[in-house]
Amino acid sequence: MTKLGKLEAFLNSGSTVTARQITGMFGLANPTAAISQLRKNGVCVYANESTLRNGERVTKYRIGKPSRAMVATATAAGFFKPSRATVATTTAGFFA
């Protein structure tokens, strides 16, 4: 399994991870590029700002399910072209 695959599996388990953890745990030198690649692969990765106990502000990444509004916006922006069935179920009631 690749380093990126291990990161994705870790996030799919419901865990969150910071950039420093991505570098330390998975050996990925550029955490931002790793998260970007996951997103390009279609993984919905959320970035949440958080403050650690020592006061340091960090970004924690997690995998989540995109809202219907997010899917509709991404589709309208041309980020991906889902099937007609997906568009019908994700945008139903959104534009009403």
Foldseek 3Di string as FASTA:
>chain_A
DALLVVVVVVQVVVDKDFQVCSCVVRVDPGSVVSVVVCVLVPFAKDWDWDADPVRDITIIIHTDDDALVVVVVCVVVPSDPDDPVVVCVSCVVVVD
